[in-house]
Protein backbone atom coordinates (compact mmCIF):
# COMPACT_ATOMS: atom_id res chain seq x y z
CA UNK A 1 58.17 187.22 50.41
CA UNK A 2 57.01 187.48 46.95
CA UNK A 3 57.27 191.27 45.25
CA UNK A 4 53.01 190.75 45.04
CA UNK A 5 52.73 190.64 48.82
CA UNK A 6 55.58 193.21 49.09
CA UNK A 7 53.69 195.86 47.37
CA UNK A 8 50.42 194.86 48.91
CA UNK A 9 51.92 195.46 52.50
CA UNK A 10 53.82 198.59 51.38
CA UNK A 11 56.86 197.57 51.52
CA UNK A 12 59.57 199.74 48.66
CA UNK A 13 62.25 198.46 46.72
CA UNK A 14 65.22 200.16 46.39
CA UNK A 15 64.27 200.73 42.47
CA UNK A 16 61.05 202.05 43.09
CA UNK A 17 62.31 204.40 45.89
CA UNK A 18 64.82 205.78 43.19
CA UNK A 19 61.92 206.15 40.88
CA UNK A 20 59.82 207.97 43.35
CA UNK A 21 62.71 210.27 43.97
CA UNK A 22 63.86 211.06 40.29
CA UNK A 23 59.94 212.17 39.11
CA UNK A 24 60.09 214.03 42.22
CA UNK A 25 63.17 215.79 41.38
CA UNK A 26 61.38 216.38 37.90
CA UNK A 27 58.35 217.65 39.68
CA UNK A 28 60.73 220.14 41.88
CA UNK A 29 62.26 221.56 38.55
CA UNK A 30 59.21 222.34 37.37
CA UNK A 31 58.36 223.84 40.31
CA UNK A 32 61.29 225.95 39.96
CA UNK A 33 60.83 227.07 36.50
CA UNK A 34 57.41 228.18 36.43
CA UNK A 35 57.20 229.27 40.11
CA UNK A 36 53.88 226.52 41.14
CA UNK A 37 52.84 223.25 40.77
CA UNK A 38 49.37 224.15 40.54
CA UNK A 39 48.89 224.12 36.63
CA UNK A 40 50.14 220.56 36.01
CA UNK A 41 47.54 218.86 33.77
CA UNK A 42 47.10 215.05 33.80
CA UNK A 43 48.44 215.00 30.55
CA UNK A 44 51.42 217.35 31.12
CA UNK A 45 55.04 216.38 29.93
CA UNK A 46 58.40 217.74 30.83
CA UNK A 47 61.75 216.88 29.52
CA UNK A 48 60.14 213.88 28.06
CA UNK A 49 58.55 212.36 31.30
CA UNK A 50 54.89 212.31 32.23
CA UNK A 51 54.92 214.27 34.96
CA UNK A 52 51.12 214.95 34.73
CA UNK A 53 50.27 211.28 35.23
CA UNK A 54 52.61 211.01 38.02
CA UNK A 55 50.97 213.75 39.75
CA UNK A 56 47.71 212.05 39.35
CA UNK A 57 49.04 208.59 40.53
CA UNK A 58 50.37 210.59 43.70
CA UNK A 59 47.06 212.43 44.88
CA UNK A 60 45.06 209.16 44.51
CA UNK A 61 47.79 207.00 46.35
CA UNK A 62 47.32 209.05 48.99
CA UNK A 63 43.58 208.66 49.56
CA UNK A 64 43.54 205.08 48.17
CA UNK A 65 42.11 202.72 50.93
CA UNK A 66 43.58 199.02 50.88
CA UNK A 67 42.76 196.22 53.30
CA UNK A 68 46.26 196.60 54.82
CA UNK A 69 46.51 200.55 54.44
CA UNK A 70 44.97 203.80 55.01
CA UNK A 71 47.05 205.18 51.83
CA UNK A 72 49.71 204.20 49.88
CA UNK A 73 51.61 207.34 49.79
CA UNK A 74 54.34 207.66 52.91
CA UNK A 75 53.96 210.29 55.44
CA UNK A 76 57.33 211.52 54.39
CA UNK A 77 56.29 211.71 50.57
CA UNK A 78 53.27 213.45 51.28
CA UNK A 79 55.32 216.13 53.05
CA UNK A 80 57.30 216.51 50.21
CA UNK A 81 54.32 217.27 47.87
CA UNK A 82 52.69 219.65 50.19
CA UNK A 83 55.92 221.57 50.62
CA UNK A 84 55.85 222.15 46.92
CA UNK A 85 53.81 225.69 45.92
CA UNK A 86 51.15 225.20 44.49
CA UNK A 87 50.52 221.93 45.50
CA UNK A 88 46.90 220.55 45.94
CA UNK A 89 45.73 217.24 47.00
CA UNK A 90 42.28 217.72 45.28
CA UNK A 91 42.37 216.28 42.12
CA UNK A 92 39.58 218.36 40.38
CA UNK A 93 41.15 221.89 41.30
CA UNK A 94 44.43 221.14 40.73
CA UNK A 95 44.57 219.46 37.04
CA UNK A 96 42.93 221.49 33.94
CA UNK A 97 39.61 220.18 32.19
CA UNK A 98 40.13 216.87 29.81
CA UNK A 99 41.49 217.47 26.34
CA UNK A 100 43.09 220.86 27.15
CA UNK A 101 46.23 221.14 24.78
CA UNK A 102 48.20 223.08 27.15
CA UNK A 103 50.18 221.92 29.82
CA UNK A 104 51.74 224.45 31.66
CA UNK A 105 50.81 228.16 32.00
CA UNK A 106 53.16 230.39 29.99
CA UNK A 107 55.91 231.57 32.43
CA UNK A 108 55.56 234.90 33.97
CA UNK A 109 57.54 238.08 33.17
CA UNK A 110 57.37 239.61 36.57
């Protein structure tokens, strides 16, 4: 089966699986450091990783309809994301306004 057909049918290669887990680990670290993932903007870069774009992609993949599937985000991945503090599936409430220069709010001193 071609890679294109595998992707269309939702078959994930070991490389893609490892990449997803690597990005999720970065997001977990951001949640641990900041207490929440709610303020990660679309342009957020953490430790050189464009985590904001990845977060936006996860939200889009959950609802993206294709000819073959309801959405491309697997249920176990959706549950893992939902377990993060501050996670929100809505793009308009979870992201800062376009053009914002702040990627993350300052850490609270409480």
